[in-house]
Amino acid sequence: MLRAMLDATVDHVSIAVRDLRAAIPFYTETLGASFLFAGERHDQGFRWAQFRFPGGGKLELVTPGGSDGFVARFLDRRGEGVHHVTLKVPDLERAIAHLGDRGVSLFNVSTERPDWKEAFIHPKDANGTLIQLAQARFSDEDVARHHLEPHDPGSHRHLTLADLLGNPPDKAAEPPIS
């Protein structure tokens, strides 16, 4: 019944890491994931990168962009590991109403941006797991293409795999978007 009400799908699992550069080879070279897209949110103090597996599924690595953001606090309290699970829903407002009717605590609800709307289910209501509900306007492929186009970054910045690994920019070395 919940599936029918939310029509949610698992989008990705997010893993908090202290050193993004050191973590990436395990997920790409050892586990076989390919780089999808990445970014940096100065206003929230973190960097993130998403990777997709050939058979399906995605992982997101998040790392602090400073010493006072939510990822830094998470790492200080819990160490490296799963930070959250993201469920994509087609209608975030409906999901919020559905969960509210059931007494589920939500926080950091953001529905202002048409491209990405999100809300978080508190771990106390989800067996100790932080769950992000998200409604995305664009597909992963469209987002990946957007990340390669020049634009006004505002409060965020898009990153390439070379940026994350500290390599000099070389577009020829960038893996194709799959």
N, C-alpha and C. Protein backbone atom coordinates (compact mmCIF):
# COMPACT_ATOMS: atom_id res chain seq x y z
N MET A 1 0.82 -1.20 0.00
CA MET A 1 0.00 0.00 0.00
C MET A 1 0.87 1.26 0.00
N LEU A 2 1.97 1.27 0.77
CA LEU A 2 2.83 2.45 0.80
C LEU A 2 3.42 2.71 -0.58
N ARG A 3 3.84 1.67 -1.28
CA ARG A 3 4.40 1.83 -2.63
C ARG A 3 3.40 2.54 -3.52
N ALA A 4 2.15 2.14 -3.44
CA ALA A 4 1.13 2.77 -4.27
C ALA A 4 0.93 4.23 -3.88
N MET A 5 1.05 4.54 -2.61
CA MET A 5 0.82 5.90 -2.15
C MET A 5 1.98 6.83 -2.54
N LEU A 6 3.22 6.36 -2.38
CA LEU A 6 4.37 7.20 -2.69
C LEU A 6 4.89 6.98 -4.10
N ASP A 7 4.70 5.80 -4.64
CA ASP A 7 5.26 5.39 -5.92
C ASP A 7 6.77 5.67 -5.94
N ALA A 8 7.42 5.31 -4.85
CA ALA A 8 8.85 5.59 -4.68
C ALA A 8 9.71 4.50 -5.29
N THR A 9 10.88 4.92 -5.77
CA THR A 9 11.91 3.99 -6.21
C THR A 9 13.20 4.37 -5.51
N VAL A 10 14.04 3.38 -5.25
CA VAL A 10 15.34 3.67 -4.65
C VAL A 10 16.20 4.32 -5.73
N ASP A 11 16.68 5.51 -5.45
CA ASP A 11 17.54 6.22 -6.41
C ASP A 11 19.01 5.94 -6.13
N HIS A 12 19.42 6.17 -4.88
CA HIS A 12 20.83 5.91 -4.55
C HIS A 12 21.02 5.78 -3.05
N VAL A 13 22.15 5.21 -2.69
CA VAL A 13 22.61 5.14 -1.31
C VAL A 13 23.79 6.10 -1.22
N SER A 14 23.77 6.95 -0.21
CA SER A 14 24.83 7.94 -0.02
C SER A 14 25.75 7.50 1.12
N ILE A 15 27.04 7.55 0.83
CA ILE A 15 28.06 7.11 1.79
C ILE A 15 28.95 8.30 2.14
N ALA A 16 29.07 8.58 3.43
CA ALA A 16 29.94 9.67 3.89
C ALA A 16 31.37 9.15 3.97
N VAL A 17 32.29 9.91 3.37
CA VAL A 17 33.70 9.55 3.39
C VAL A 17 34.52 10.77 3.79
N ARG A 18 35.62 10.51 4.44
CA ARG A 18 36.50 11.63 4.85
C ARG A 18 37.29 12.17 3.67
N ASP A 19 37.72 11.28 2.77
CA ASP A 19 38.58 11.67 1.66
C ASP A 19 37.99 11.12 0.36
N LEU A 20 37.32 11.98 -0.37
CA LEU A 20 36.67 11.57 -1.61
C LEU A 20 37.67 11.03 -2.62
N ARG A 21 38.78 11.70 -2.74
CA ARG A 21 39.82 11.28 -3.69
C ARG A 21 40.30 9.86 -3.39
N ALA A 22 40.48 9.54 -2.13
CA ALA A 22 40.96 8.21 -1.76
C ALA A 22 39.86 7.16 -1.91
N ALA A 23 38.60 7.55 -1.75
CA ALA A 23 37.49 6.59 -1.80
C ALA A 23 37.10 6.20 -3.22
N ILE A 24 37.22 7.10 -4.16
CA ILE A 24 36.72 6.86 -5.52
C ILE A 24 37.28 5.59 -6.17
N PRO A 25 38.58 5.32 -6.11
CA PRO A 25 39.07 4.11 -6.79
C PRO A 25 38.43 2.80 -6.31
N PHE A 26 38.06 2.72 -5.05
CA PHE A 26 37.41 1.49 -4.58
C PHE A 26 36.10 1.26 -5.34
N TYR A 27 35.30 2.31 -5.48
CA TYR A 27 34.00 2.18 -6.12
C TYR A 27 34.09 2.04 -7.64
N THR A 28 35.11 2.67 -8.25
CA THR A 28 35.24 2.60 -9.70
C THR A 28 36.10 1.41 -10.14
N GLU A 29 37.29 1.30 -9.62
CA GLU A 29 38.21 0.26 -10.07
C GLU A 29 37.91 -1.11 -9.47
N THR A 30 37.54 -1.15 -8.20
CA THR A 30 37.29 -2.42 -7.54
C THR A 30 35.86 -2.92 -7.77
N LEU A 31 34.87 -2.03 -7.62
CA LEU A 31 33.48 -2.45 -7.74
C LEU A 31 32.89 -2.24 -9.14
N GLY A 32 33.56 -1.46 -9.99
CA GLY A 32 33.13 -1.32 -11.37
C GLY A 32 32.10 -0.24 -11.65
N ALA A 33 31.91 0.70 -10.74
CA ALA A 33 30.97 1.79 -10.98
C ALA A 33 31.60 2.81 -11.93
N SER A 34 30.76 3.52 -12.68
CA SER A 34 31.27 4.58 -13.55
C SER A 34 30.78 5.93 -13.03
N PHE A 35 31.63 6.93 -13.19
CA PHE A 35 31.33 8.29 -12.75
C PHE A 35 30.11 8.81 -13.52
N LEU A 36 29.17 9.42 -12.81
CA LEU A 36 27.99 9.99 -13.44
C LEU A 36 28.05 11.51 -13.42
N PHE A 37 28.09 12.11 -12.24
CA PHE A 37 28.24 13.55 -12.10
C PHE A 37 28.60 13.88 -10.65
N ALA A 38 29.04 15.11 -10.43
CA ALA A 38 29.47 15.52 -9.09
C ALA A 38 29.26 17.01 -8.92
N GLY A 39 29.28 17.45 -7.68
CA GLY A 39 29.12 18.86 -7.40
C GLY A 39 29.61 19.24 -6.02
N GLU A 40 29.52 20.52 -5.78
CA GLU A 40 29.98 21.08 -4.50
C GLU A 40 28.95 22.12 -4.08
N ARG A 41 28.49 22.04 -2.84
CA ARG A 41 27.55 23.02 -2.30
C ARG A 41 28.26 23.80 -1.20
N HIS A 42 28.70 25.00 -1.54
CA HIS A 42 29.39 25.83 -0.55
C HIS A 42 28.46 26.21 0.59
N ASP A 43 27.19 26.47 0.28
CA ASP A 43 26.25 26.90 1.30
C ASP A 43 25.96 25.81 2.33
N GLN A 44 26.16 24.54 1.96
CA GLN A 44 25.92 23.44 2.89
C GLN A 44 27.21 22.74 3.31
N GLY A 45 28.33 23.17 2.75
CA GLY A 45 29.64 22.67 3.18
C GLY A 45 29.93 21.22 2.82
N PHE A 46 29.61 20.82 1.57
CA PHE A 46 29.95 19.46 1.19
C PHE A 46 30.16 19.32 -0.31
N ARG A 47 30.85 18.24 -0.67
CA ARG A 47 31.03 17.81 -2.05
C ARG A 47 30.37 16.46 -2.20
N TRP A 48 29.93 16.14 -3.41
CA TRP A 48 29.31 14.85 -3.65
C TRP A 48 29.64 14.38 -5.06
N ALA A 49 29.61 13.08 -5.23
CA ALA A 49 29.82 12.48 -6.54
C ALA A 49 28.94 11.24 -6.64
N GLN A 50 28.30 11.08 -7.78
CA GLN A 50 27.46 9.90 -7.99
C GLN A 50 28.09 8.97 -9.02
N PHE A 51 27.92 7.68 -8.76
CA PHE A 51 28.47 6.63 -9.60
C PHE A 51 27.38 5.62 -9.89
N ARG A 52 27.38 5.10 -11.13
CA ARG A 52 26.37 4.14 -11.54
C ARG A 52 27.04 2.80 -11.85
N PHE A 53 26.32 1.74 -11.50
CA PHE A 53 26.82 0.39 -11.77
C PHE A 53 26.24 -0.12 -13.09
N PRO A 54 27.01 -0.92 -13.82
CA PRO A 54 26.54 -1.41 -15.12
C PRO A 54 25.21 -2.16 -15.05
N GLY A 55 24.98 -2.92 -14.00
CA GLY A 55 23.74 -3.68 -13.86
C GLY A 55 22.61 -2.91 -13.22
N GLY A 56 22.83 -1.64 -12.91
CA GLY A 56 21.81 -0.81 -12.28
C GLY A 56 22.22 -0.42 -10.87
N GLY A 57 21.62 0.62 -10.38
CA GLY A 57 21.91 1.12 -9.04
C GLY A 57 22.97 2.20 -9.04
N LYS A 58 22.86 3.09 -8.06
CA LYS A 58 23.81 4.18 -7.93
C LYS A 58 24.27 4.32 -6.48
N LEU A 59 25.49 4.81 -6.34
CA LEU A 59 26.04 5.21 -5.05
C LEU A 59 26.42 6.68 -5.16
N GLU A 60 26.30 7.37 -4.04
CA GLU A 60 26.75 8.75 -3.94
C GLU A 60 27.75 8.82 -2.81
N LEU A 61 28.88 9.43 -3.07
CA LEU A 61 29.86 9.67 -2.02
C LEU A 61 29.74 11.14 -1.62
N VAL A 62 29.65 11.41 -0.31
CA VAL A 62 29.60 12.77 0.19
C VAL A 62 30.78 12.97 1.13
N THR A 63 31.36 14.15 1.07
CA THR A 63 32.52 14.47 1.90
C THR A 63 32.42 15.93 2.34
N PRO A 64 32.99 16.26 3.48
CA PRO A 64 32.91 17.65 3.95
C PRO A 64 33.65 18.61 3.04
N GLY A 65 33.10 19.80 2.91
CA GLY A 65 33.79 20.88 2.21
C GLY A 65 34.40 21.84 3.21
N GLY A 66 34.28 21.53 4.47
CA GLY A 66 34.80 22.34 5.56
C GLY A 66 34.60 21.59 6.86
N SER A 67 34.82 22.26 7.97
CA SER A 67 34.75 21.56 9.26
C SER A 67 33.41 21.71 9.98
N ASP A 68 32.46 22.47 9.39
CA ASP A 68 31.24 22.73 10.14
C ASP A 68 29.95 22.32 9.42
N GLY A 69 30.02 21.62 8.31
CA GLY A 69 28.82 21.21 7.59
C GLY A 69 28.23 19.93 8.15
N PHE A 70 27.09 19.53 7.60
CA PHE A 70 26.39 18.35 8.10
C PHE A 70 27.18 17.07 7.89
N VAL A 71 27.96 16.98 6.80
CA VAL A 71 28.76 15.77 6.57
C VAL A 71 29.89 15.70 7.58
N ALA A 72 30.52 16.83 7.87
CA ALA A 72 31.59 16.85 8.88
C ALA A 72 31.05 16.42 10.24
N ARG A 73 29.87 16.92 10.60
CA ARG A 73 29.26 16.53 11.88
C ARG A 73 28.94 15.03 11.90
N PHE A 74 28.41 14.52 10.80
CA PHE A 74 28.10 13.10 10.71
C PHE A 74 29.36 12.26 10.89
N LEU A 75 30.43 12.61 10.20
CA LEU A 75 31.68 11.86 10.30
C LEU A 75 32.26 11.93 11.70
N ASP A 76 32.16 13.08 12.36
CA ASP A 76 32.65 13.21 13.73
C ASP A 76 31.89 12.31 14.69
N ARG A 77 30.58 12.20 14.49
CA ARG A 77 29.75 11.39 15.40
C ARG A 77 29.76 9.90 15.06
N ARG A 78 29.72 9.57 13.78
CA ARG A 78 29.51 8.18 13.38
C ARG A 78 30.64 7.55 12.58
N GLY A 79 31.53 8.37 12.04
CA GLY A 79 32.57 7.83 11.17
C GLY A 79 32.04 7.58 9.77
N GLU A 80 32.88 7.04 8.94
CA GLU A 80 32.50 6.78 7.55
C GLU A 80 31.42 5.70 7.47
N GLY A 81 30.57 5.81 6.48
CA GLY A 81 29.54 4.80 6.27
C GLY A 81 28.30 5.40 5.64
N VAL A 82 27.25 4.60 5.60
CA VAL A 82 26.01 5.04 4.96
C VAL A 82 25.47 6.29 5.67
N HIS A 83 25.24 7.32 4.89
CA HIS A 83 24.69 8.57 5.41
C HIS A 83 23.17 8.60 5.23
N HIS A 84 22.71 8.29 4.01
CA HIS A 84 21.27 8.28 3.76
C HIS A 84 20.93 7.43 2.55
N VAL A 85 19.65 7.13 2.43
CA VAL A 85 19.11 6.44 1.27
C VAL A 85 18.13 7.41 0.62
N THR A 86 18.24 7.57 -0.71
CA THR A 86 17.35 8.48 -1.42
C THR A 86 16.30 7.70 -2.19
N LEU A 87 15.05 8.07 -1.94
CA LEU A 87 13.92 7.52 -2.68
C LEU A 87 13.39 8.62 -3.59
N LYS A 88 13.26 8.33 -4.87
CA LYS A 88 12.66 9.30 -5.78
C LYS A 88 11.16 9.06 -5.83
N VAL A 89 10.43 10.15 -5.80
CA VAL A 89 8.97 10.10 -5.88
C VAL A 89 8.52 11.04 -7.00
N PRO A 90 7.40 10.72 -7.66
CA PRO A 90 6.93 11.59 -8.74
C PRO A 90 6.24 12.86 -8.24
N ASP A 91 5.77 12.85 -6.99
CA ASP A 91 5.04 13.99 -6.44
C ASP A 91 5.41 14.15 -4.96
N LEU A 92 6.38 15.02 -4.71
CA LEU A 92 6.87 15.20 -3.34
C LEU A 92 5.78 15.75 -2.42
N GLU A 93 4.98 16.68 -2.90
CA GLU A 93 3.91 17.24 -2.06
C GLU A 93 2.97 16.14 -1.58
N ARG A 94 2.61 15.23 -2.47
CA ARG A 94 1.73 14.12 -2.09
C ARG A 94 2.43 13.21 -1.08
N ALA A 95 3.72 12.95 -1.29
CA ALA A 95 4.47 12.11 -0.36
C ALA A 95 4.54 12.75 1.02
N ILE A 96 4.75 14.07 1.07
CA ILE A 96 4.80 14.80 2.34
C ILE A 96 3.47 14.69 3.07
N ALA A 97 2.38 14.89 2.34
CA ALA A 97 1.05 14.79 2.95
C ALA A 97 0.79 13.37 3.46
N HIS A 98 1.14 12.38 2.66
CA HIS A 98 0.94 10.98 3.03
C HIS A 98 1.70 10.65 4.32
N LEU A 99 2.95 11.05 4.39
CA LEU A 99 3.76 10.76 5.57
C LEU A 99 3.30 11.57 6.78
N GLY A 100 2.92 12.82 6.55
CA GLY A 100 2.40 13.65 7.64
C GLY A 100 1.16 13.06 8.26
N ASP A 101 0.28 12.51 7.43
CA ASP A 101 -0.93 11.86 7.93
C ASP A 101 -0.61 10.67 8.82
N ARG A 102 0.57 10.12 8.65
CA ARG A 102 0.97 8.94 9.42
C ARG A 102 1.92 9.29 10.57
N GLY A 103 2.09 10.58 10.84
CA GLY A 103 2.90 11.01 11.96
C GLY A 103 4.41 10.91 11.75
N VAL A 104 4.83 10.83 10.49
CA VAL A 104 6.26 10.72 10.20
C VAL A 104 6.89 12.11 10.23
N SER A 105 7.97 12.26 10.99
CA SER A 105 8.67 13.54 11.11
C SER A 105 9.53 13.80 9.88
N LEU A 106 9.32 14.97 9.27
CA LEU A 106 10.13 15.40 8.13
C LEU A 106 10.89 16.66 8.51
N PHE A 107 12.05 16.82 7.92
CA PHE A 107 12.81 18.05 8.15
C PHE A 107 13.56 18.41 6.88
N ASN A 108 14.13 19.61 6.86
CA ASN A 108 14.81 20.14 5.66
C ASN A 108 13.95 19.94 4.41
N VAL A 109 12.70 20.32 4.52
CA VAL A 109 11.78 20.22 3.39
C VAL A 109 12.05 21.41 2.47
N SER A 110 12.32 21.13 1.22
CA SER A 110 12.62 22.17 0.24
C SER A 110 11.85 21.87 -1.05
N THR A 111 10.84 22.67 -1.31
CA THR A 111 10.00 22.45 -2.50
C THR A 111 10.02 23.65 -3.44
N GLU A 112 10.91 24.61 -3.21
CA GLU A 112 10.94 25.84 -3.99
C GLU A 112 11.56 25.67 -5.37
N ARG A 113 12.56 24.83 -5.49
CA ARG A 113 13.28 24.68 -6.76
C ARG A 113 12.55 23.68 -7.66
N PRO A 114 12.22 24.06 -8.87
CA PRO A 114 11.49 23.13 -9.74
C PRO A 114 12.34 21.94 -10.20
N ASP A 115 13.65 22.08 -10.22
CA ASP A 115 14.52 21.00 -10.72
C ASP A 115 14.75 19.90 -9.69
N TRP A 116 14.74 20.26 -8.40
CA TRP A 116 15.03 19.29 -7.34
C TRP A 116 14.28 19.70 -6.09
N LYS A 117 13.35 18.86 -5.68
CA LYS A 117 12.61 19.08 -4.45
C LYS A 117 12.96 17.94 -3.52
N GLU A 118 13.07 18.24 -2.21
CA GLU A 118 13.48 17.19 -1.29
C GLU A 118 12.91 17.41 0.10
N ALA A 119 12.85 16.30 0.83
CA ALA A 119 12.47 16.30 2.24
C ALA A 119 13.14 15.08 2.86
N PHE A 120 13.41 15.17 4.14
CA PHE A 120 14.10 14.08 4.82
C PHE A 120 13.22 13.49 5.91
N ILE A 121 13.21 12.17 5.97
CA ILE A 121 12.54 11.45 7.06
C ILE A 121 13.56 11.27 8.16
N HIS A 122 13.20 11.67 9.35
CA HIS A 122 14.12 11.58 10.48
C HIS A 122 14.44 10.12 10.78
N PRO A 123 15.70 9.83 11.12
CA PRO A 123 16.07 8.45 11.44
C PRO A 123 15.24 7.81 12.55
N LYS A 124 14.71 8.61 13.48
CA LYS A 124 13.90 8.02 14.56
C LYS A 124 12.63 7.37 14.03
N ASP A 125 12.18 7.80 12.84
CA ASP A 125 10.99 7.22 12.23
C ASP A 125 11.31 6.15 11.19
N ALA A 126 12.59 5.90 10.96
CA ALA A 126 12.98 4.97 9.89
C ALA A 126 14.07 4.00 10.36
N ASN A 127 13.89 3.47 11.55
CA ASN A 127 14.80 2.46 12.08
C ASN A 127 16.26 2.88 12.05
N GLY A 128 16.50 4.15 12.38
CA GLY A 128 17.87 4.65 12.47
C GLY A 128 18.49 5.07 11.15
N THR A 129 17.70 5.08 10.08
CA THR A 129 18.23 5.45 8.76
C THR A 129 17.65 6.77 8.30
N LEU A 130 18.51 7.68 7.87
CA LEU A 130 18.08 8.93 7.28
C LEU A 130 17.60 8.63 5.86
N ILE A 131 16.38 9.04 5.55
CA ILE A 131 15.83 8.81 4.21
C ILE A 131 15.51 10.15 3.57
N GLN A 132 16.06 10.34 2.39
CA GLN A 132 15.78 11.53 1.60
C GLN A 132 14.72 11.17 0.56
N LEU A 133 13.65 11.95 0.52
CA LEU A 133 12.66 11.83 -0.54
C LEU A 133 12.96 12.94 -1.54
N ALA A 134 12.98 12.61 -2.82
CA ALA A 134 13.34 13.60 -3.82
C ALA A 134 12.44 13.49 -5.04
N GLN A 135 12.14 14.65 -5.59
CA GLN A 135 11.43 14.73 -6.86
C GLN A 135 12.34 15.48 -7.81
N ALA A 136 12.75 14.83 -8.88
CA ALA A 136 13.68 15.42 -9.84
C ALA A 136 12.95 15.71 -11.15
N ARG A 137 13.25 16.85 -11.70
CA ARG A 137 12.63 17.24 -12.96
C ARG A 137 13.32 16.60 -14.15
N PHE A 138 14.62 16.31 -14.00
CA PHE A 138 15.41 15.80 -15.12
C PHE A 138 15.96 14.41 -14.83
N SER A 139 16.23 13.67 -15.88
CA SER A 139 16.84 12.34 -15.76
C SER A 139 18.31 12.50 -15.38
N ASP A 140 18.92 11.40 -14.94
CA ASP A 140 20.35 11.42 -14.62
C ASP A 140 21.17 11.86 -15.82
N GLU A 141 20.81 11.39 -17.00
CA GLU A 141 21.55 11.74 -18.21
C GLU A 141 21.48 13.23 -18.50
N ASP A 142 20.29 13.81 -18.31
CA ASP A 142 20.14 15.25 -18.52
C ASP A 142 20.94 16.04 -17.49
N VAL A 143 20.95 15.57 -16.25
CA VAL A 143 21.73 16.24 -15.20
C VAL A 143 23.21 16.15 -15.52
N ALA A 144 23.67 14.98 -15.96
CA ALA A 144 25.09 14.80 -16.31
C ALA A 144 25.48 15.74 -17.44
N ARG A 145 24.63 15.88 -18.45
CA ARG A 145 24.91 16.81 -19.56
C ARG A 145 24.96 18.24 -19.04
N HIS A 146 24.03 18.60 -18.17
CA HIS A 146 24.00 19.95 -17.60
C HIS A 146 25.32 20.24 -16.86
N HIS A 147 25.83 19.25 -16.17
CA HIS A 147 27.07 19.44 -15.42
C HIS A 147 28.26 19.72 -16.32
N LEU A 148 28.17 19.37 -17.58
CA LEU A 148 29.27 19.61 -18.51
C LEU A 148 29.15 20.95 -19.22
N GLU A 149 28.00 21.61 -19.09
CA GLU A 149 27.77 22.89 -19.76
C GLU A 149 28.15 24.06 -18.87
N PRO A 150 28.73 25.11 -19.45
CA PRO A 150 29.03 26.31 -18.65
C PRO A 150 27.73 27.01 -18.23
N HIS A 151 27.70 27.49 -17.01
CA HIS A 151 26.54 28.22 -16.50
C HIS A 151 26.93 28.95 -15.23
N ASP A 152 26.04 29.81 -14.76
CA ASP A 152 26.26 30.54 -13.51
C ASP A 152 26.09 29.57 -12.35
N PRO A 153 27.16 29.30 -11.59
CA PRO A 153 27.08 28.28 -10.56
C PRO A 153 26.28 28.66 -9.32
N GLY A 154 26.07 29.94 -9.04
CA GLY A 154 25.32 30.32 -7.84
C GLY A 154 25.94 29.73 -6.59
N SER A 155 25.16 28.99 -5.82
CA SER A 155 25.65 28.44 -4.55
C SER A 155 26.30 27.07 -4.71
N HIS A 156 26.38 26.58 -5.94
CA HIS A 156 26.98 25.26 -6.16
C HIS A 156 27.93 25.29 -7.34
N ARG A 157 28.75 24.27 -7.42
CA ARG A 157 29.71 24.16 -8.51
C ARG A 157 29.73 22.71 -8.97
N HIS A 158 29.75 22.52 -10.27
CA HIS A 158 29.84 21.18 -10.82
C HIS A 158 31.29 20.76 -10.92
N LEU A 159 31.54 19.50 -10.69
CA LEU A 159 32.90 18.98 -10.69
C LEU A 159 33.02 17.81 -11.66
N THR A 160 34.20 17.67 -12.24
CA THR A 160 34.49 16.53 -13.10
C THR A 160 35.21 15.48 -12.27
N LEU A 161 35.37 14.31 -12.84
CA LEU A 161 36.14 13.28 -12.16
C LEU A 161 37.58 13.74 -11.96
N ALA A 162 38.13 14.45 -12.94
CA ALA A 162 39.48 14.99 -12.81
C ALA A 162 39.58 15.96 -11.64
N ASP A 163 38.55 16.81 -11.45
CA ASP A 163 38.52 17.73 -10.30
C ASP A 163 38.59 16.94 -8.99
N LEU A 164 37.80 15.87 -8.92
CA LEU A 164 37.71 15.08 -7.69
C LEU A 164 39.01 14.34 -7.38
N LEU A 165 39.67 13.89 -8.44
CA LEU A 165 40.90 13.12 -8.25
C LEU A 165 42.13 14.01 -8.19
N GLY A 166 41.95 15.30 -8.41
CA GLY A 166 43.08 16.23 -8.35
C GLY A 166 43.96 16.16 -9.58
N ASN A 167 43.42 15.66 -10.69
CA ASN A 167 44.18 15.59 -11.94
C ASN A 167 44.01 16.89 -12.70
N PRO A 168 45.01 17.24 -13.51
CA PRO A 168 44.81 18.41 -14.36
C PRO A 168 43.68 18.14 -15.35
N PRO A 169 42.91 19.17 -15.70
CA PRO A 169 41.79 18.97 -16.61
C PRO A 169 42.27 18.43 -17.96
N ASP A 170 41.64 17.38 -18.41
CA ASP A 170 41.93 16.80 -19.72
C ASP A 170 40.63 16.16 -20.18
N LYS A 171 39.89 16.91 -20.98
CA LYS A 171 38.56 16.44 -21.40
C LYS A 171 38.65 15.11 -22.13
N ALA A 172 39.76 14.84 -22.82
CA ALA A 172 39.88 13.57 -23.54
C ALA A 172 39.93 12.40 -22.56
N ALA A 173 40.39 12.64 -21.32
CA ALA A 173 40.51 11.57 -20.33
C ALA A 173 39.21 11.32 -19.58
N GLU A 174 38.24 12.23 -19.71
CA GLU A 174 36.98 12.07 -19.02
C GLU A 174 36.23 10.87 -19.59
N PRO A 175 35.70 10.01 -18.73
CA PRO A 175 34.92 8.88 -19.26
C PRO A 175 33.62 9.39 -19.86
N PRO A 176 33.13 8.72 -20.90
CA PRO A 176 31.87 9.16 -21.50
C PRO A 176 30.71 8.96 -20.53
N ILE A 177 29.69 9.77 -20.70
CA ILE A 177 28.48 9.62 -19.89
C ILE A 177 27.73 8.42 -20.43
N SER A 178 27.47 7.46 -19.57
CA SER A 178 26.78 6.26 -20.06
C SER A 178 25.32 6.29 -19.71
